[in-house]
């Protein structure tokens, strides 16, 4: 919106053309989202408390969590609003990648909203039935994958890029739809599984988004892409604006979600943020790098799969409780220590992921 306005005003003064720079708009997008979070956050928390939209705590989990019962949840809606508004203000709204990403944000956010609403307002512990939840997640993921596949403007947009090898690109054909579906849906659910401690999920999401923003900027810049032997994907640079908005909104939310949390993200935030990370990785063709940078999300998901599979086969458990952050809690690790150590791991993994930019 503001980009279009600046382009119109540039007819009268060329100084307005500075808004066309993606780097400037990314910075302003991040700051706008951060400001929105700081302004709206306290109001939202008071409203959630007023309407008694509080978190229910399982009694079979760590006993330290029982004191968190009643803490306002569904706070992820704040993140989504901040991202959406910042994107609408600063991104190029004629860009198809922007609309696909916003569509994923809305669809997965809506699924999470219904799930949370049924749990905390209707007091239905099941929330949205699994079959319906997975159905609508699948609709969102396949819809995004289909749009990206059928609007692709170059072969690079549907190839699998292998990190550390500058000339290894696998033509996926229709398998692109399958890969994109699993990346978007898988990342969405992985972030949701990670969201179990105060600030545990949001900071890794911010760090991974920042890393993907760098990849988006490089892949959307013809000269940088050529220099780094990267596939050039026209228009993908605009995702840096959305990435910055996610970082700003996430850091603003962390202000209230840091231990001890004043508000929880809920499925409305976790499902949507994970899906946005997934679709951004698909657009810039960095699914493998997402797997590296999002190693904490992968670890949490794999711990659940191992726990469930092993229990069904043997009747015994590998971990004291899954996801794995609960295992460390039951082993006596203080919650803040687990959170910060998972953050540190993510910083390291994001740096490894960024190293693939040059080590090719």
Protein backbone atom coordinates (compact mmCIF):
# COMPACT_ATOMS: atom_id res chain seq x y z
CA UNK A 1 0.00 0.00 0.00
CA UNK A 2 2.67 2.52 1.04
CA UNK A 3 4.90 1.34 -1.82
CA UNK A 4 2.16 2.22 -4.30
CA UNK A 5 1.62 5.57 -2.58
CA UNK A 6 5.35 6.34 -2.69
CA UNK A 7 5.45 5.49 -6.40
CA UNK A 8 2.64 7.95 -7.04
CA UNK A 9 4.33 10.68 -5.00
CA UNK A 10 7.63 10.04 -6.80
CA UNK A 11 6.11 11.88 -9.75
CA UNK A 12 6.46 15.04 -7.70
CA UNK A 13 9.67 14.27 -5.80
CA UNK A 14 12.18 11.53 -6.64
CA UNK A 15 13.06 11.09 -2.95
CA UNK A 16 10.00 8.88 -2.50
CA UNK A 17 11.64 6.25 -4.71
CA UNK A 18 13.75 5.18 -1.72
CA UNK A 19 10.72 3.19 -0.55
CA UNK A 20 11.22 0.85 -3.49
CA UNK A 21 14.29 -0.64 -1.80
CA UNK A 22 13.35 -3.99 -0.25
CA UNK A 23 15.89 -3.58 2.54
CA UNK A 24 14.28 -0.33 3.73
CA UNK A 25 10.78 -1.74 3.54
CA UNK A 26 11.87 -4.87 5.41
CA UNK A 27 13.28 -2.75 8.24
CA UNK A 28 10.15 -0.59 8.38
CA UNK A 29 7.95 -3.70 8.22
CA UNK A 30 9.74 -5.24 11.19
CA UNK A 31 9.52 -2.04 13.22
CA UNK A 32 5.83 -1.60 12.35
CA UNK A 33 5.00 -5.14 13.46
CA UNK A 34 6.99 -4.65 16.66
CA UNK A 35 5.15 -1.39 17.41
CA UNK A 36 1.76 -2.98 16.75
CA UNK A 37 2.62 -5.82 19.15
CA UNK A 38 3.70 -3.43 21.90
CA UNK A 39 0.57 -1.27 21.52
CA UNK A 40 -2.04 -4.01 21.06
CA UNK A 41 -0.47 -6.62 23.37
CA UNK A 42 -1.53 -5.21 26.77
CA UNK A 43 -5.05 -4.49 25.50
CA UNK A 44 -5.38 -7.98 24.08
CA UNK A 45 -4.16 -9.63 27.29
CA UNK A 46 -6.70 -7.65 29.35
CA UNK A 47 -9.50 -8.67 26.97
CA UNK A 48 -8.50 -12.33 27.09
CA UNK A 49 -8.47 -12.20 30.89
CA UNK A 50 -11.83 -10.44 30.89
CA UNK A 51 -13.41 -13.14 28.76
CA UNK A 52 -11.59 -15.87 30.71
CA UNK A 53 -9.85 -17.28 27.65
CA UNK A 54 -7.40 -19.22 29.81
CA UNK A 55 -5.09 -22.15 29.16
CA UNK A 56 -6.09 -25.58 30.45
CA UNK A 57 -3.15 -27.56 31.87
CA UNK A 58 -2.79 -31.34 31.71
CA UNK A 59 -2.50 -32.89 35.17
CA UNK A 60 -0.23 -35.68 33.86
CA UNK A 61 2.52 -33.27 32.84
CA UNK A 62 5.20 -31.46 34.84
CA UNK A 63 3.72 -30.26 38.14
CA UNK A 64 5.32 -26.83 37.67
CA UNK A 65 2.86 -26.21 34.83
CA UNK A 66 -0.18 -26.38 37.10
CA UNK A 67 0.45 -22.80 38.22
CA UNK A 68 0.02 -21.69 34.58
CA UNK A 69 -3.63 -22.74 34.46
CA UNK A 70 -5.82 -19.83 33.44
CA UNK A 71 -3.03 -17.86 31.75
CA UNK A 72 -4.58 -16.15 28.68
CA UNK A 73 -4.06 -18.06 25.46
CA UNK A 74 -4.79 -17.47 21.75
CA UNK A 75 -2.27 -14.64 21.93
CA UNK A 76 -0.90 -15.78 18.59
CA UNK A 77 -3.68 -13.75 17.01
CA UNK A 78 -1.63 -10.68 17.94
CA UNK A 79 1.31 -11.99 15.90
CA UNK A 80 -0.86 -12.72 12.88
CA UNK A 81 -2.51 -9.29 12.93
CA UNK A 82 0.86 -7.54 13.25
CA UNK A 83 2.32 -9.57 10.36
CA UNK A 84 -0.70 -9.02 8.13
CA UNK A 85 -0.93 -5.27 8.74
CA UNK A 86 2.81 -4.72 8.29
CA UNK A 87 2.80 -6.75 5.09
CA UNK A 88 -0.18 -4.85 3.69
CA UNK A 89 1.55 -1.57 4.48
CA UNK A 90 5.08 -2.28 3.21
CA UNK A 91 5.03 -5.18 0.74
CA UNK A 92 4.43 -5.02 -3.00
CA UNK A 93 0.83 -6.16 -3.15
CA UNK A 94 1.10 -6.99 -6.85
CA UNK A 95 3.51 -9.81 -5.96
CA UNK A 96 2.00 -13.30 -6.15
CA UNK A 97 4.34 -14.69 -3.48
CA UNK A 98 3.05 -12.12 -0.99
CA UNK A 99 -0.56 -13.18 -1.54
CA UNK A 100 0.23 -16.90 -1.33
CA UNK A 101 2.04 -16.36 1.98
CA UNK A 102 -0.76 -14.22 3.38
CA UNK A 103 -3.28 -16.84 2.26
CA UNK A 104 -1.39 -19.54 4.16
CA UNK A 105 -1.22 -17.26 7.21
CA UNK A 106 -4.99 -16.75 7.17
CA UNK A 107 -6.00 -20.37 6.49
CA UNK A 108 -3.75 -21.95 9.09
CA UNK A 109 -4.50 -19.16 11.56
CA UNK A 110 -8.22 -19.82 11.13
CA UNK A 111 -7.73 -23.56 11.74
CA UNK A 112 -5.78 -22.80 14.91
CA UNK A 113 -8.35 -20.23 16.03
CA UNK A 114 -11.23 -22.72 15.78
CA UNK A 115 -9.18 -25.36 17.59
CA UNK A 116 -8.28 -22.97 20.43
CA UNK A 117 -11.81 -21.56 20.65
CA UNK A 118 -13.35 -24.99 21.08
CA UNK A 119 -10.80 -25.88 23.77
CA UNK A 120 -10.86 -22.76 25.92
CA UNK A 121 -14.32 -21.29 25.33
CA UNK A 122 -16.46 -24.36 24.66
CA UNK A 123 -14.34 -26.38 27.14
CA UNK A 124 -13.97 -29.19 24.62
CA UNK A 125 -10.57 -30.82 25.36
CA UNK A 126 -10.45 -32.33 21.88
CA UNK A 127 -10.67 -28.95 20.22
CA UNK A 128 -11.21 -29.27 16.49
CA UNK A 129 -11.50 -32.99 15.63
CA UNK A 130 -8.25 -34.26 14.15
CA UNK A 131 -9.79 -35.26 10.82
CA UNK A 132 -11.23 -31.78 10.26
CA UNK A 133 -8.09 -30.08 11.47
CA UNK A 134 -5.92 -32.09 9.11
CA UNK A 135 -8.39 -31.63 6.26
CA UNK A 136 -8.25 -27.84 6.42
CA UNK A 137 -4.50 -27.84 6.89
CA UNK A 138 -4.28 -30.00 3.79
CA UNK A 139 -6.53 -27.62 1.86
CA UNK A 140 -4.28 -24.72 2.80
CA UNK A 141 -1.04 -26.54 2.00
CA UNK A 142 -2.22 -28.05 -1.29
CA UNK A 143 -3.82 -24.76 -2.32
CA UNK A 144 -0.56 -22.88 -1.81
CA UNK A 145 1.46 -25.62 -3.52
CA UNK A 146 -0.90 -25.65 -6.49
CA UNK A 147 -0.81 -21.90 -6.99
CA UNK A 148 2.98 -21.82 -6.81
CA UNK A 149 3.36 -24.75 -9.20
CA UNK A 150 0.94 -23.56 -11.87
CA UNK A 151 2.15 -19.96 -11.78
CA UNK A 152 5.86 -20.83 -11.86
CA UNK A 153 7.69 -18.62 -14.34
CA UNK A 154 11.02 -20.46 -14.49
CA UNK A 155 12.28 -24.05 -14.03
CA UNK A 156 14.19 -22.95 -10.92
CA UNK A 157 10.90 -22.42 -9.08
CA UNK A 158 10.08 -26.13 -9.08
CA UNK A 159 13.54 -27.64 -8.61
CA UNK A 160 14.93 -29.12 -5.42
CA UNK A 161 18.12 -27.27 -4.49
CA UNK A 162 20.70 -29.33 -2.58
CA UNK A 163 22.78 -27.26 -0.10
CA UNK A 164 26.57 -27.12 -0.40
CA UNK A 165 26.41 -28.12 -4.10
CA UNK A 166 26.14 -25.18 -6.48
CA UNK A 167 25.07 -27.16 -9.54
CA UNK A 168 22.84 -29.83 -8.02
CA UNK A 169 19.20 -29.04 -8.79
CA UNK A 170 16.64 -31.83 -9.16
CA UNK A 171 13.63 -31.28 -11.41
CA UNK A 172 10.65 -32.35 -9.33
CA UNK A 173 7.77 -32.15 -11.79
CA UNK A 174 4.46 -32.92 -10.09
CA UNK A 175 6.35 -34.27 -7.07
CA UNK A 176 6.83 -30.58 -6.24
CA UNK A 177 3.22 -30.57 -5.02
CA UNK A 178 3.90 -33.48 -2.68
CA UNK A 179 7.08 -31.94 -1.29
CA UNK A 180 5.50 -28.51 -0.80
CA UNK A 181 2.48 -30.09 0.91
CA UNK A 182 4.59 -31.97 3.44
CA UNK A 183 6.95 -29.05 4.09
CA UNK A 184 4.13 -26.59 4.78
CA UNK A 185 2.00 -28.99 6.81
CA UNK A 186 4.97 -30.56 8.57
CA UNK A 187 6.49 -27.26 9.64
CA UNK A 188 3.10 -26.03 10.85
CA UNK A 189 2.62 -29.02 13.13
CA UNK A 190 6.28 -29.05 14.22
CA UNK A 191 6.10 -25.47 15.51
CA UNK A 192 2.83 -26.33 17.24
CA UNK A 193 4.48 -29.26 19.05
CA UNK A 194 7.36 -27.04 20.13
CA UNK A 195 5.03 -24.45 21.66
CA UNK A 196 4.99 -25.99 25.13
CA UNK A 197 7.14 -23.68 27.25
CA UNK A 198 7.20 -19.91 27.68
CA UNK A 199 8.92 -18.42 24.63
CA UNK A 200 10.23 -21.78 23.45
CA UNK A 201 8.62 -21.72 19.99
CA UNK A 202 8.51 -18.04 19.13
CA UNK A 203 12.23 -17.26 19.31
CA UNK A 204 13.31 -20.15 17.05
CA UNK A 205 10.52 -19.11 14.66
CA UNK A 206 11.92 -15.57 14.61
CA UNK A 207 15.47 -16.80 14.02
CA UNK A 208 14.46 -19.17 11.22
CA UNK A 209 12.33 -16.43 9.63
CA UNK A 210 15.33 -14.09 9.69
CA UNK A 211 17.45 -16.74 7.98
CA UNK A 212 14.81 -17.37 5.32
CA UNK A 213 14.54 -13.61 4.80
CA UNK A 214 18.21 -13.55 3.82
CA UNK A 215 17.66 -16.39 1.36
CA UNK A 216 14.61 -14.61 -0.05
CA UNK A 217 16.56 -11.40 -0.61
CA UNK A 218 19.42 -13.24 -2.32
CA UNK A 219 17.21 -15.41 -4.55
CA UNK A 220 15.19 -12.35 -5.59
CA UNK A 221 18.28 -10.27 -6.48
CA UNK A 222 19.66 -11.24 -9.91
CA UNK A 223 23.24 -10.11 -9.24
CA UNK A 224 23.53 -11.67 -5.76
CA UNK A 225 21.93 -14.89 -6.97
CA UNK A 226 24.37 -15.13 -9.87
CA UNK A 227 27.38 -14.35 -7.67
CA UNK A 228 26.43 -16.99 -5.11
CA UNK A 229 25.38 -19.54 -7.77
CA UNK A 230 21.83 -19.43 -6.50
CA UNK A 231 18.65 -19.91 -8.56
CA UNK A 232 17.17 -16.52 -9.38
CA UNK A 233 13.47 -16.42 -8.52
CA UNK A 234 11.97 -13.14 -9.68
CA UNK A 235 9.83 -11.50 -7.01
CA UNK A 236 10.91 -13.72 -4.13
CA UNK A 237 12.79 -10.82 -2.55
CA UNK A 238 9.46 -9.44 -1.31
CA UNK A 239 9.36 -12.29 1.19
CA UNK A 240 12.08 -10.44 3.10
CA UNK A 241 9.40 -7.89 4.01
CA UNK A 242 7.14 -10.61 5.39
CA UNK A 243 10.07 -12.26 7.14
CA UNK A 244 10.92 -8.97 8.85
CA UNK A 245 7.28 -8.53 9.86
CA UNK A 246 7.32 -12.00 11.43
CA UNK A 247 10.52 -11.14 13.30
CA UNK A 248 9.11 -7.85 14.59
CA UNK A 249 5.76 -9.37 15.57
CA UNK A 250 7.48 -12.36 17.17
CA UNK A 251 9.84 -10.25 19.26
CA UNK A 252 6.92 -8.05 20.32
CA UNK A 253 4.98 -11.13 21.38
CA UNK A 254 8.02 -12.50 23.21
CA UNK A 255 7.92 -9.39 25.41
CA UNK A 256 4.71 -10.79 26.91
CA UNK A 257 5.40 -14.49 26.36
CA UNK A 258 8.83 -14.63 28.03
CA UNK A 259 9.08 -16.66 31.24
CA UNK A 260 6.87 -16.36 33.23
CA UNK A 261 4.43 -15.85 30.37
CA UNK A 262 1.59 -13.35 30.56
CA UNK A 263 -0.01 -14.91 27.48
CA UNK A 264 0.36 -18.08 25.43
CA UNK A 265 0.48 -18.31 21.66
CA UNK A 266 -2.03 -21.10 21.18
CA UNK A 267 -2.63 -23.06 18.00
CA UNK A 268 -3.79 -19.91 16.23
CA UNK A 269 -0.24 -18.62 16.29
CA UNK A 270 1.83 -21.79 16.19
CA UNK A 271 0.08 -23.45 13.25
CA UNK A 272 0.13 -20.25 11.19
CA UNK A 273 3.76 -19.33 11.92
CA UNK A 274 4.97 -22.82 11.06
CA UNK A 275 3.02 -22.81 7.80
CA UNK A 276 4.43 -19.40 6.84
CA UNK A 277 7.98 -20.62 7.46
CA UNK A 278 7.22 -23.67 5.35
CA UNK A 279 5.77 -21.77 2.40
CA UNK A 280 8.64 -19.26 2.42
CA UNK A 281 11.14 -22.12 2.29
CA UNK A 282 9.20 -23.66 -0.60
CA UNK A 283 9.13 -20.40 -2.55
CA UNK A 284 12.88 -19.76 -2.23
CA UNK A 285 13.59 -23.49 -2.82
CA UNK A 286 15.31 -24.03 0.53
CA UNK A 287 13.35 -26.92 2.01
CA UNK A 288 16.52 -28.76 3.01
CA UNK A 289 17.96 -25.63 4.63
CA UNK A 290 14.69 -25.18 6.54
CA UNK A 291 15.18 -28.71 7.87
CA UNK A 292 18.63 -27.65 9.12
CA UNK A 293 17.71 -24.25 10.55
CA UNK A 294 14.54 -25.58 12.12
CA UNK A 295 16.38 -28.43 13.81
CA UNK A 296 14.69 -27.74 17.15
CA UNK A 297 11.28 -28.15 15.51
CA UNK A 298 12.48 -31.34 13.85
CA UNK A 299 13.83 -32.69 17.15
CA UNK A 300 10.54 -32.02 18.93
CA UNK A 301 8.53 -33.72 16.18
CA UNK A 302 10.81 -36.74 15.94
CA UNK A 303 10.69 -37.19 19.73
CA UNK A 304 6.89 -37.48 19.56
CA UNK A 305 7.03 -39.90 16.64
CA UNK A 306 9.60 -42.06 18.41
CA UNK A 307 7.65 -42.02 21.66
CA UNK A 308 4.35 -42.99 20.05
CA UNK A 309 5.86 -45.61 17.75
CA UNK A 310 7.97 -47.26 20.46
CA UNK A 311 5.06 -47.27 22.92
CA UNK A 312 2.76 -48.96 20.41
CA UNK A 313 5.37 -51.62 19.68
CA UNK A 314 6.61 -52.34 23.21
CA UNK A 315 4.26 -50.66 25.68
CA UNK A 316 7.21 -48.71 27.06
CA UNK A 317 8.43 -45.14 26.65
CA UNK A 318 11.74 -43.81 25.36
CA UNK A 319 11.33 -40.41 27.03
CA UNK A 320 9.68 -39.61 30.33
CA UNK A 321 7.33 -37.40 28.34
CA UNK A 322 7.15 -36.09 24.78
CA UNK A 323 7.73 -33.63 23.15
CA UNK A 324 11.31 -33.77 24.35
CA UNK A 325 11.28 -30.43 26.21
CA UNK A 326 8.95 -32.05 28.74
CA UNK A 327 11.42 -34.91 29.14
CA UNK A 328 14.11 -32.45 30.21
CA UNK A 329 11.66 -30.78 32.60
CA UNK A 330 10.91 -34.09 34.30
CA UNK A 331 14.63 -34.74 34.56
CA UNK A 332 14.88 -31.62 36.70
CA UNK A 333 16.03 -28.96 34.23
CA UNK A 334 14.58 -25.53 35.10
CA UNK A 335 12.21 -24.25 32.42
CA UNK A 336 14.27 -21.11 31.59
CA UNK A 337 17.39 -23.26 31.06
CA UNK A 338 15.60 -25.50 28.56
CA UNK A 339 14.23 -22.51 26.69
CA UNK A 340 17.54 -20.65 26.41
CA UNK A 341 19.47 -23.78 25.43
CA UNK A 342 16.97 -24.52 22.65
CA UNK A 343 17.39 -20.90 21.50
CA UNK A 344 21.18 -21.31 21.45
CA UNK A 345 20.85 -24.51 19.40
CA UNK A 346 18.65 -22.65 16.91
CA UNK A 347 21.15 -19.79 16.57
CA UNK A 348 23.86 -22.32 15.72
CA UNK A 349 21.65 -24.16 13.22
CA UNK A 350 20.54 -20.94 11.51
CA UNK A 351 24.19 -19.95 11.10
CA UNK A 352 24.90 -23.37 9.58
CA UNK A 353 21.99 -22.84 7.22
CA UNK A 354 23.25 -19.40 6.22
CA UNK A 355 26.69 -20.86 5.58
CA UNK A 356 25.19 -22.74 2.62
CA UNK A 357 24.89 -19.37 0.87
CA UNK A 358 28.63 -19.28 0.33
CA UNK A 359 29.81 -22.85 0.83
CA UNK A 360 28.54 -24.28 -2.43
